[in-house]
Each structure stands twice: as C-alpha cells, then as structure tokens.
Amino acid sequence: MNYNSGGRATVSIHEYTVLGIAGSIRAGSANRGLLREASRLLPSGMKLEFFDLAPIPLFNEDVRVAGTPESVKELKRRLAAADGILFSVAEYNYSLSGVLKNAIDWASRPVEESPLAGKPIAIMGAGGGLGTARAQYHLRQVAVFTDMLPMNKPELMVSKSWERFDKEGNLLDETVRPQLQAFLAAFSGWISAVQAGRPQKG
C-alpha cells in the first residue's frame, strides 16, 4: 500500500513470501488445516510456504554450541528468506504448544543472529471456546523479546474447532473463509507497512 499526494492510500501489488508455521504437528490438526485453507485464499502477490516443526529437536544449549542441527539450520534459513511469518497457534494448557515455543527458542539463538528480529508476523488459531486467545497473547509476549513485529488487528480466533473442522483438519464452516481472507489481506498490508518503515495504527 502506498500513499498519493492527497494522503489517500492506494494499493500496489508486491510479491511477498510468507512462511506458515502450525503450532501442532498432528496430521489432522485444525491449525494445520487453517494454514492449508489460508493457502487457497491468499491476496494477489502473496505466496505461502509451509514449515513442519516435527523434525526440530528439543532445544539444548550444549547441542547448539556443539553444532546446530540441520533441521534447525533449515528453519532459520526459511525464516530469514520469508517476508513474513503466519503462525497458526494451537493452545495447550492455556499457552503455546511445546513444539512451537521450542522452535522459537532455537530460532532466536544466538540473539544477534536471530532471523526473527524485525520480522512481520500474523497470529491466528483454532481451538476451544476462546479460539486459542490465551496462546496467541502468550506468543505476542514472546514476540517482545524476540523482536518480532505482530499485526495487531484484525485478530482471527476460530472457536470450537471440533465443530468447524473435520477429523482430517479440513475446514467445514463457510463463515470462517471471509474472515481468513480479510485477515490475509490485512497481513499483506502489514508486511508492506513494516518494509516501508511505517508504524502500525490502532
């Protein structure tokens, strides 16, 4: 999005690569399904790639010092290459899933080489009655230290995922799609704003 001489916003098309990361590694996860659905609803100029967290080992500083595992190197490479990160956050025990927090811990070290710093991110999720709200807000706390730049609005919290997705994680509820489409369009604008050095409104 650019601004003309009258101060009005005008839309311009960019080619953004977004890395999609689900907070669950279960094959039938609703959050993996939400990412798949996102790939069908992308705005013009956005490409969504996926990274599976299953191969990432438990973080161990001794292992990192001895030599970063290849799966972690690949994660960092993909994060660095992406224009933005789309997190589809599962909620376990009122917080982030262990696999997602673990991957962020790996990616953020050493701090001076972190591919997360300054990266525009969008956070969505499908889960219980609050649609992973607690986990999403915990991820925003993590973003403070890691210097990721979350899109504040709109938020996307898909509640009662067991009613909206089938057992394979496919979206059944048609009312979610326009919300997801608007969310992705806003994220494209947020990436553009971050790259242009403009602060987020709201």
Protein backbone atom coordinates (compact mmCIF):
# COMPACT_ATOMS: atom_id res chain seq x y z
CA MET A 1 0.00 0.00 0.00
CA ASN A 2 1.31 3.43 -0.98
CA TYR A 3 0.07 6.97 -0.31
CA ASN A 4 -0.71 9.51 -3.03
CA SER A 5 -0.18 13.28 -2.82
CA GLY A 6 -3.61 13.72 -1.22
CA GLY A 7 -2.73 11.37 1.62
CA ARG A 8 -5.07 8.63 0.41
CA ALA A 9 -3.99 5.01 0.50
CA THR A 10 -3.51 3.34 -2.86
CA VAL A 11 -2.95 -0.38 -3.36
CA SER A 12 0.13 -1.69 -5.13
CA ILE A 13 0.94 -5.33 -5.75
CA HIS A 14 4.06 -6.82 -4.18
CA GLU A 15 5.38 -10.34 -4.22
CA TYR A 16 5.62 -11.48 -0.60
CA THR A 17 6.75 -14.90 0.56
CA VAL A 18 5.14 -15.87 3.86
CA LEU A 19 6.26 -18.84 5.93
CA GLY A 20 3.35 -20.70 7.55
CA ILE A 21 4.03 -22.48 10.84
CA ALA A 22 1.42 -24.51 12.73
CA GLY A 23 1.74 -24.98 16.46
CA SER A 24 0.66 -28.61 16.18
CA ILE A 25 2.40 -31.47 14.39
CA ARG A 26 -0.66 -33.73 14.43
CA ALA A 27 -1.71 -34.69 10.90
CA GLY A 28 -5.38 -33.86 11.47
CA SER A 29 -4.73 -30.65 13.40
CA ALA A 30 -7.26 -27.86 12.85
CA ASN A 31 -4.39 -25.37 12.90
CA ARG A 32 -2.60 -27.17 10.10
CA GLY A 33 -5.93 -27.17 8.29
CA LEU A 34 -6.31 -23.44 8.87
CA LEU A 35 -2.95 -22.88 7.18
CA ARG A 36 -4.00 -25.06 4.24
CA GLU A 37 -7.16 -23.03 3.89
CA ALA A 38 -5.10 -19.84 4.02
CA SER A 39 -3.09 -21.06 1.03
CA ARG A 40 -6.32 -21.08 -1.01
CA LEU A 41 -7.35 -17.55 -0.02
CA LEU A 42 -4.16 -15.56 -0.48
CA PRO A 43 -4.31 -11.99 -1.79
CA SER A 44 -2.59 -11.18 -5.06
CA GLY A 45 1.16 -11.05 -4.70
CA MET A 46 1.41 -13.33 -1.65
CA LYS A 47 2.93 -16.80 -1.66
CA LEU A 48 2.55 -19.12 1.35
CA GLU A 49 5.14 -21.78 2.11
CA PHE A 50 4.97 -24.26 4.99
CA PHE A 51 7.46 -25.47 7.56
CA ASP A 52 6.78 -28.63 9.58
CA LEU A 53 8.15 -28.44 13.14
CA ALA A 54 8.22 -32.22 13.64
CA PRO A 55 11.97 -32.64 12.83
CA ILE A 56 13.10 -29.91 15.25
CA PRO A 57 14.79 -31.48 18.33
CA LEU A 58 14.33 -30.25 21.87
CA PHE A 59 16.41 -27.18 22.50
CA ASN A 60 19.69 -27.88 24.26
CA GLU A 61 22.37 -25.20 24.51
CA ASP A 62 25.07 -27.88 24.62
CA VAL A 63 23.83 -29.22 21.29
CA ARG A 64 23.69 -25.72 19.79
CA VAL A 65 27.27 -24.96 20.86
CA ALA A 66 28.48 -28.30 19.52
CA GLY A 67 26.79 -27.72 16.18
CA THR A 68 23.31 -26.56 15.15
CA PRO A 69 21.19 -29.48 13.87
CA GLU A 70 20.43 -29.46 10.15
CA SER A 71 16.67 -29.18 10.73
CA VAL A 72 17.24 -26.03 12.77
CA LYS A 73 19.55 -24.58 10.13
CA GLU A 74 16.79 -25.14 7.58
CA LEU A 75 14.24 -23.45 9.86
CA LYS A 76 16.48 -20.42 10.26
CA ARG A 77 17.17 -20.26 6.54
CA ARG A 78 13.46 -20.35 5.70
CA LEU A 79 12.65 -17.73 8.34
CA ALA A 80 15.35 -15.41 7.07
CA ALA A 81 14.15 -15.75 3.48
CA ALA A 82 10.50 -15.04 4.30
CA ASP A 83 8.96 -11.58 4.14
CA GLY A 84 6.62 -12.53 6.98
CA ILE A 85 5.57 -15.40 9.23
CA LEU A 86 2.00 -16.70 9.61
CA PHE A 87 1.56 -18.58 12.88
CA SER A 88 -1.43 -20.87 13.31
CA VAL A 89 -1.33 -21.32 17.06
CA ALA A 90 -2.56 -24.37 18.95
CA GLU A 91 -3.35 -23.85 22.63
CA TYR A 92 -2.23 -26.37 25.25
CA ASN A 93 -2.89 -25.72 28.94
CA TYR A 94 -3.72 -22.04 28.35
CA SER A 95 -0.47 -21.38 26.47
CA LEU A 96 1.69 -22.14 23.45
CA SER A 97 2.34 -25.69 22.39
CA GLY A 98 5.76 -27.02 23.34
CA VAL A 99 6.77 -27.63 19.72
CA LEU A 100 6.16 -24.01 18.73
CA LYS A 101 7.91 -22.49 21.74
CA ASN A 102 10.81 -24.90 21.21
CA ALA A 103 11.21 -23.86 17.58
CA ILE A 104 11.19 -20.19 18.52
CA ASP A 105 13.81 -20.85 21.21
CA TRP A 106 16.06 -22.45 18.60
CA ALA A 107 15.49 -19.71 16.02
CA SER A 108 16.17 -16.91 18.49
CA ARG A 109 19.67 -18.08 19.42
CA PRO A 110 22.18 -16.60 19.26
CA VAL A 111 20.22 -13.36 19.66
CA GLU A 112 22.50 -11.32 17.42
CA GLU A 113 21.88 -13.75 14.54
CA SER A 114 18.15 -14.33 15.03
CA PRO A 115 16.10 -14.34 11.79
CA LEU A 116 13.04 -13.41 13.86
CA ALA A 117 14.13 -9.87 14.73
CA GLY A 118 12.19 -7.27 12.78
CA LYS A 119 10.06 -9.87 11.03
CA PRO A 120 6.37 -9.03 10.43
CA ILE A 121 4.13 -11.78 11.81
CA ALA A 122 0.42 -12.58 11.88
CA ILE A 123 -1.10 -14.83 14.55
CA MET A 124 -4.26 -16.90 14.14
CA GLY A 125 -5.55 -20.08 15.70
CA ALA A 126 -8.35 -22.61 16.01
CA GLY A 127 -9.20 -24.27 19.31
CA GLY A 128 -11.61 -24.14 22.23
CA GLY A 129 -14.18 -21.60 23.32
CA LEU A 130 -11.76 -18.67 23.03
CA GLY A 131 -10.17 -19.81 19.79
CA THR A 132 -6.61 -20.03 21.21
CA ALA A 133 -6.76 -16.46 22.54
CA ARG A 134 -4.53 -17.20 25.54
CA ALA A 135 -1.88 -18.90 23.41
CA GLN A 136 -1.98 -16.07 20.88
CA TYR A 137 -1.41 -13.47 23.58
CA HIS A 138 1.44 -15.52 25.03
CA LEU A 139 3.04 -15.59 21.59
CA ARG A 140 2.74 -11.80 21.50
CA GLN A 141 4.69 -11.73 24.78
CA VAL A 142 7.39 -13.92 23.23
CA ALA A 143 7.45 -11.54 20.27
CA VAL A 144 8.52 -8.70 22.56
CA PHE A 145 11.84 -10.33 23.44
CA THR A 146 12.47 -11.85 20.03
CA ASP A 147 11.66 -8.51 18.36
CA MET A 148 9.07 -9.98 16.00
CA LEU A 149 6.52 -7.43 14.80
CA PRO A 150 2.94 -8.74 15.20
CA MET A 151 -0.01 -7.39 13.26
CA ASN A 152 -2.39 -6.14 15.96
CA LYS A 153 -5.65 -6.11 14.02
CA PRO A 154 -7.64 -7.89 12.78
CA GLU A 155 -7.39 -10.90 15.07
CA LEU A 156 -8.51 -14.36 13.99
CA MET A 157 -9.60 -16.76 16.73
CA VAL A 158 -11.64 -19.72 15.48
CA SER A 159 -13.57 -21.13 18.43
CA LYS A 160 -14.96 -24.67 18.84
CA SER A 161 -12.66 -26.09 16.21
CA TRP A 162 -14.21 -29.55 16.58
CA GLU A 163 -17.40 -28.15 15.03
CA ARG A 164 -15.67 -26.22 12.25
CA PHE A 165 -13.12 -28.78 11.02
CA ASP A 166 -13.41 -32.48 10.19
CA LYS A 167 -11.12 -35.15 11.63
CA GLU A 168 -8.58 -34.59 8.84
CA GLY A 169 -8.36 -30.89 9.66
CA ASN A 170 -10.38 -29.68 6.69
CA LEU A 171 -12.42 -26.53 7.23
CA LEU A 172 -16.18 -27.09 7.13
CA ASP A 173 -17.53 -23.73 8.31
CA GLU A 174 -18.02 -21.34 5.39
CA THR A 175 -18.27 -18.32 7.72
CA VAL A 176 -14.55 -18.63 8.57
CA ARG A 177 -13.35 -18.17 5.00
CA PRO A 178 -14.20 -14.47 4.52
CA GLN A 179 -12.66 -13.72 7.92
CA LEU A 180 -9.49 -15.54 6.94
CA GLN A 181 -9.38 -13.83 3.56
CA ALA A 182 -9.66 -10.39 5.18
CA PHE A 183 -7.01 -11.37 7.74
CA LEU A 184 -4.56 -12.34 4.99
CA ALA A 185 -5.22 -9.14 3.04
CA ALA A 186 -4.51 -7.13 6.18
CA PHE A 187 -1.29 -9.09 6.72
CA SER A 188 -0.13 -8.21 3.22
CA GLY A 189 -0.67 -4.57 4.11
CA TRP A 190 1.20 -5.01 7.39
CA ILE A 191 4.22 -6.54 5.65
CA SER A 192 4.21 -3.60 3.26
CA ALA A 193 3.99 -1.11 6.15
CA VAL A 194 6.86 -2.76 8.03
CA GLN A 195 9.07 -2.84 4.96
CA ALA A 196 8.30 0.82 4.33
CA GLY A 197 9.16 1.72 7.93
CA ARG A 198 5.67 2.98 8.82
CA PRO A 199 4.26 2.36 12.33
CA GLN A 200 1.10 0.32 12.75
CA LYS A 201 -2.11 2.15 13.53
CA GLY A 202 -4.55 1.07 16.23
